[in-house]
Protein backbone atom coordinates (compact mmCIF):
# COMPACT_ATOMS: atom_id res chain seq x y z
CA MET A 1 20.19 -31.06 -42.38
CA LEU A 2 20.47 -33.26 -39.28
CA LYS A 3 20.63 -37.02 -39.50
CA ILE A 4 20.34 -39.49 -36.60
CA MET A 5 21.54 -42.92 -37.69
CA ASN A 6 20.81 -46.09 -35.68
CA VAL A 7 21.20 -44.40 -32.30
CA SER A 8 20.88 -46.55 -29.19
CA HIS A 9 21.78 -45.69 -25.64
CA GLU A 10 22.18 -47.65 -22.45
CA TYR A 11 22.60 -46.55 -18.84
CA ASP A 12 23.45 -48.96 -16.06
CA ASN A 13 22.59 -51.87 -18.41
CA GLU A 14 19.16 -50.40 -19.06
CA ILE A 15 18.34 -49.61 -22.67
CA ILE A 16 17.07 -46.00 -22.83
CA LEU A 17 16.91 -45.65 -26.65
CA HIS A 18 16.45 -48.39 -29.27
CA ASP A 19 17.92 -47.94 -32.73
CA ILE A 20 16.59 -44.45 -33.55
CA SER A 21 17.01 -43.16 -37.13
CA LEU A 22 15.66 -39.79 -38.22
CA THR A 23 16.27 -37.02 -40.71
CA ILE A 24 15.43 -33.44 -39.70
CA GLU A 25 15.36 -30.83 -42.43
CA SER A 26 17.10 -27.49 -42.02
CA LYS A 27 15.16 -24.58 -40.58
CA THR A 28 12.21 -26.62 -39.44
CA PHE A 29 10.44 -26.70 -36.05
CA THR A 30 10.44 -30.24 -34.72
CA VAL A 31 8.90 -31.54 -31.48
CA ILE A 32 10.05 -34.68 -29.65
CA THR A 33 7.31 -35.79 -27.28
CA GLY A 34 6.46 -38.66 -25.02
CA GLU A 35 5.68 -39.48 -21.44
CA SER A 36 8.20 -39.13 -18.63
CA GLY A 37 10.84 -41.83 -19.07
CA SER A 38 10.19 -42.24 -22.80
CA GLY A 39 13.74 -41.18 -23.66
CA LYS A 40 12.99 -37.80 -25.23
CA SER A 41 15.46 -35.80 -23.11
CA THR A 42 18.14 -38.45 -23.68
CA LEU A 43 17.58 -38.28 -27.43
CA LEU A 44 17.75 -34.47 -27.35
CA SER A 45 20.99 -34.60 -25.36
CA ILE A 46 22.49 -36.97 -27.93
CA ILE A 47 21.34 -34.98 -30.92
CA SER A 48 22.73 -31.76 -29.38
CA THR A 49 26.17 -33.40 -28.73
CA LEU A 50 25.86 -33.13 -24.96
CA LEU A 51 25.78 -36.93 -24.65
CA LYS A 52 27.55 -39.60 -26.71
CA PRO A 53 25.32 -42.47 -27.78
CA THR A 54 26.23 -46.03 -26.90
CA LYS A 55 25.72 -46.88 -30.59
CA GLY A 56 24.99 -44.88 -33.74
CA GLU A 57 25.95 -41.49 -35.08
CA ILE A 58 24.71 -37.94 -35.54
CA PHE A 59 25.48 -36.07 -38.81
CA PHE A 60 25.39 -32.29 -39.10
CA ASP A 61 25.11 -31.34 -42.77
CA GLY A 62 26.76 -34.61 -43.69
CA LYS A 63 29.59 -34.47 -41.12
CA ALA A 64 29.62 -37.02 -38.31
CA SER A 65 29.76 -35.54 -34.82
CA ARG A 66 32.62 -37.90 -33.92
CA GLU A 67 34.68 -36.29 -36.70
CA ILE A 68 34.32 -32.78 -35.28
CA SER A 69 37.76 -32.00 -33.88
CA ASP A 70 36.78 -29.23 -31.45
CA ILE A 71 33.27 -30.05 -30.25
CA ASN A 72 33.20 -27.08 -27.80
CA MET A 73 33.94 -24.62 -30.58
CA PHE A 74 31.33 -26.31 -32.77
CA ARG A 75 28.71 -25.88 -30.00
CA ASN A 76 29.64 -22.20 -29.51
CA GLN A 77 29.35 -21.47 -33.22
CA LYS A 78 26.52 -23.72 -34.35
CA ILE A 79 24.27 -24.63 -31.42
CA GLY A 80 22.05 -22.79 -28.96
CA PHE A 81 20.62 -24.45 -25.84
CA ILE A 82 17.45 -23.66 -23.91
CA PHE A 83 16.52 -25.62 -20.79
CA GLN A 84 13.60 -25.86 -18.41
CA PHE A 85 15.56 -23.77 -15.93
CA HIS A 86 16.94 -20.59 -17.39
CA TYR A 87 20.46 -20.90 -15.82
CA LEU A 88 20.93 -17.14 -15.78
CA ILE A 89 23.71 -15.86 -13.52
CA SER A 90 22.07 -14.08 -10.61
CA HIS A 91 24.71 -11.39 -10.10
CA LEU A 92 24.67 -10.32 -13.77
CA ASN A 93 21.94 -8.22 -15.30
CA VAL A 94 20.04 -9.19 -18.45
CA HIS A 95 22.47 -7.54 -20.84
CA GLU A 96 25.49 -8.98 -19.09
CA ASN A 97 24.03 -12.52 -19.07
CA ILE A 98 23.88 -12.36 -22.88
CA ALA A 99 27.08 -10.38 -23.45
CA MET A 100 29.14 -12.99 -21.62
CA VAL A 101 28.53 -15.64 -24.31
CA THR A 102 29.11 -13.52 -27.39
CA LYS A 103 31.35 -11.01 -29.15
CA ARG A 104 28.30 -9.26 -30.68
CA SER A 105 28.06 -5.53 -30.09
CA ARG A 106 25.85 -3.87 -27.51
CA SER A 107 23.58 -2.58 -30.29
CA GLU A 108 23.20 -6.11 -31.70
CA ILE A 109 22.22 -7.41 -28.26
CA LYS A 110 19.71 -4.54 -27.85
CA GLU A 111 18.25 -5.34 -31.30
CA LEU A 112 17.66 -8.93 -30.26
CA LEU A 113 16.15 -7.92 -26.92
CA ASP A 114 13.84 -5.51 -28.78
CA LYS A 115 12.64 -8.39 -30.92
CA LEU A 116 11.84 -10.40 -27.82
CA ASP A 117 10.20 -7.34 -26.18
CA ILE A 118 12.58 -7.34 -23.21
CA SER A 119 15.04 -4.56 -24.03
CA HIS A 120 13.51 -2.48 -21.23
CA LEU A 121 14.81 -5.10 -18.80
CA SER A 122 18.48 -4.85 -19.80
CA ALA A 123 19.60 -3.45 -16.46
CA LYS A 124 17.41 -5.76 -14.40
CA TYR A 125 18.74 -8.83 -12.56
CA PRO A 126 17.15 -12.27 -12.91
CA ASP A 127 15.41 -12.10 -9.52
CA GLN A 128 13.80 -8.78 -10.55
CA ILE A 129 11.92 -10.18 -13.57
CA SER A 130 9.21 -12.80 -14.07
CA GLY A 131 9.67 -16.41 -15.00
CA GLY A 132 8.43 -15.84 -18.54
CA GLN A 133 10.82 -12.88 -18.96
CA ARG A 134 13.75 -14.94 -17.64
CA GLN A 135 13.00 -17.63 -20.20
CA ARG A 136 12.94 -15.02 -22.97
CA VAL A 137 16.39 -13.87 -21.79
CA ALA A 138 17.50 -17.49 -22.02
CA ILE A 139 16.16 -17.61 -25.57
CA ALA A 140 18.06 -14.44 -26.40
CA ARG A 141 21.24 -15.95 -25.02
CA ALA A 142 20.69 -19.05 -27.18
CA MET A 143 20.01 -16.89 -30.26
CA ILE A 144 22.69 -14.20 -29.97
CA ASN A 145 25.38 -16.05 -31.91
CA ARG A 146 22.86 -16.86 -34.67
CA PRO A 147 23.27 -20.66 -34.36
CA GLU A 148 22.13 -23.07 -37.07
CA PHE A 149 20.58 -25.39 -34.48
CA ILE A 150 18.63 -24.65 -31.30
CA PHE A 151 17.73 -27.42 -28.84
CA ALA A 152 15.18 -26.81 -26.12
CA ASP A 153 14.45 -29.30 -23.33
CA GLU A 154 11.07 -28.65 -21.67
CA PRO A 155 11.61 -24.89 -22.12
CA THR A 156 8.21 -23.99 -20.65
CA GLY A 157 8.11 -26.56 -17.83
CA ASN A 158 8.04 -23.81 -15.21
CA LEU A 159 5.71 -21.44 -17.07
CA ASP A 160 1.94 -20.91 -17.18
CA SER A 161 0.00 -21.41 -20.44
CA LYS A 162 0.20 -17.74 -21.44
CA ASN A 163 3.96 -17.52 -21.15
CA SER A 164 4.33 -20.98 -22.68
CA LYS A 165 2.56 -19.76 -25.80
CA ILE A 166 4.84 -16.69 -25.98
CA VAL A 167 7.96 -18.83 -25.72
CA PHE A 168 6.82 -21.37 -28.32
CA ASP A 169 5.68 -18.63 -30.71
CA LEU A 170 9.19 -17.13 -30.44
CA LEU A 171 10.87 -20.49 -31.06
CA ARG A 172 8.73 -21.08 -34.15
CA GLU A 173 9.85 -17.75 -35.63
CA LEU A 174 13.60 -18.43 -35.31
CA ASP A 175 15.73 -18.65 -38.44
CA ALA A 176 17.28 -21.95 -37.34
CA THR A 177 16.62 -25.67 -37.08
CA VAL A 178 14.71 -25.87 -33.79
CA ILE A 179 14.11 -29.13 -31.91
CA VAL A 180 12.05 -29.12 -28.73
CA ALA A 181 11.59 -31.99 -26.27
CA THR A 182 8.35 -31.70 -24.26
CA HIS A 183 5.45 -33.65 -22.89
CA ALA A 184 3.17 -30.62 -23.22
CA LEU A 185 2.29 -31.20 -26.87
CA SER A 186 -1.06 -29.39 -26.65
CA ARG A 187 0.68 -26.10 -25.89
CA ILE A 188 2.96 -25.97 -28.92
CA LEU A 189 0.95 -26.87 -31.99
CA PRO A 190 1.47 -26.20 -34.85
CA SER A 191 4.87 -27.63 -35.72
CA ASP A 192 6.54 -28.91 -38.85
CA ARG A 193 6.94 -32.38 -37.37
CA VAL A 194 6.16 -34.31 -34.21
CA ILE A 195 8.36 -37.26 -33.21
CA LYS A 196 6.75 -39.51 -30.58
CA LEU A 197 8.73 -41.79 -28.31
CA LYS A 198 7.51 -44.58 -26.11
CA ASP A 199 9.85 -46.76 -24.07
CA GLY A 200 12.81 -45.47 -26.06
CA LYS A 201 11.31 -46.37 -29.45
CA LEU A 202 9.76 -44.30 -32.22
CA CYS A 203 6.02 -44.77 -32.43
């Protein structure tokens, strides 16, 4: 379970988030949506430990994020990240891009790539595959360590509607707590919960 307690955030004296409190159940698919500038990406960054809030706290299964002694190890073990841009390393092939972040065996990586229908691309480089395929590689990289939490920030922002549906269908099937920030709500229904933000407030 993930709890967000009285989170507020300011940047350059501008209030980005106003006293946000939420509880997100384990292994659910949650969408954070709102117009550009609503604070959804900031909230996702805070929930995923990439950004410290000005006020408030995040609790992972009852433990406050501020009490986690090695936050980098916690991220490596518990959290997977997916962004609008895939951030694959251009001089590494698909298999190598995933292998670099894990100690899982080659057969385990292949099994995951099979599930995502991209194992035939293992030896290809990022510039040799399509945008939708690159994003599926990014999902594989986020999944390979079997994290409890996956955070995705506009993961289909650069994809067409067909590939967006494929990506969101994959995210819905993950055995993890998945939280997606996006403005493209019409592309991702259904979901277990939709959280709407406007001007940094829940609405």
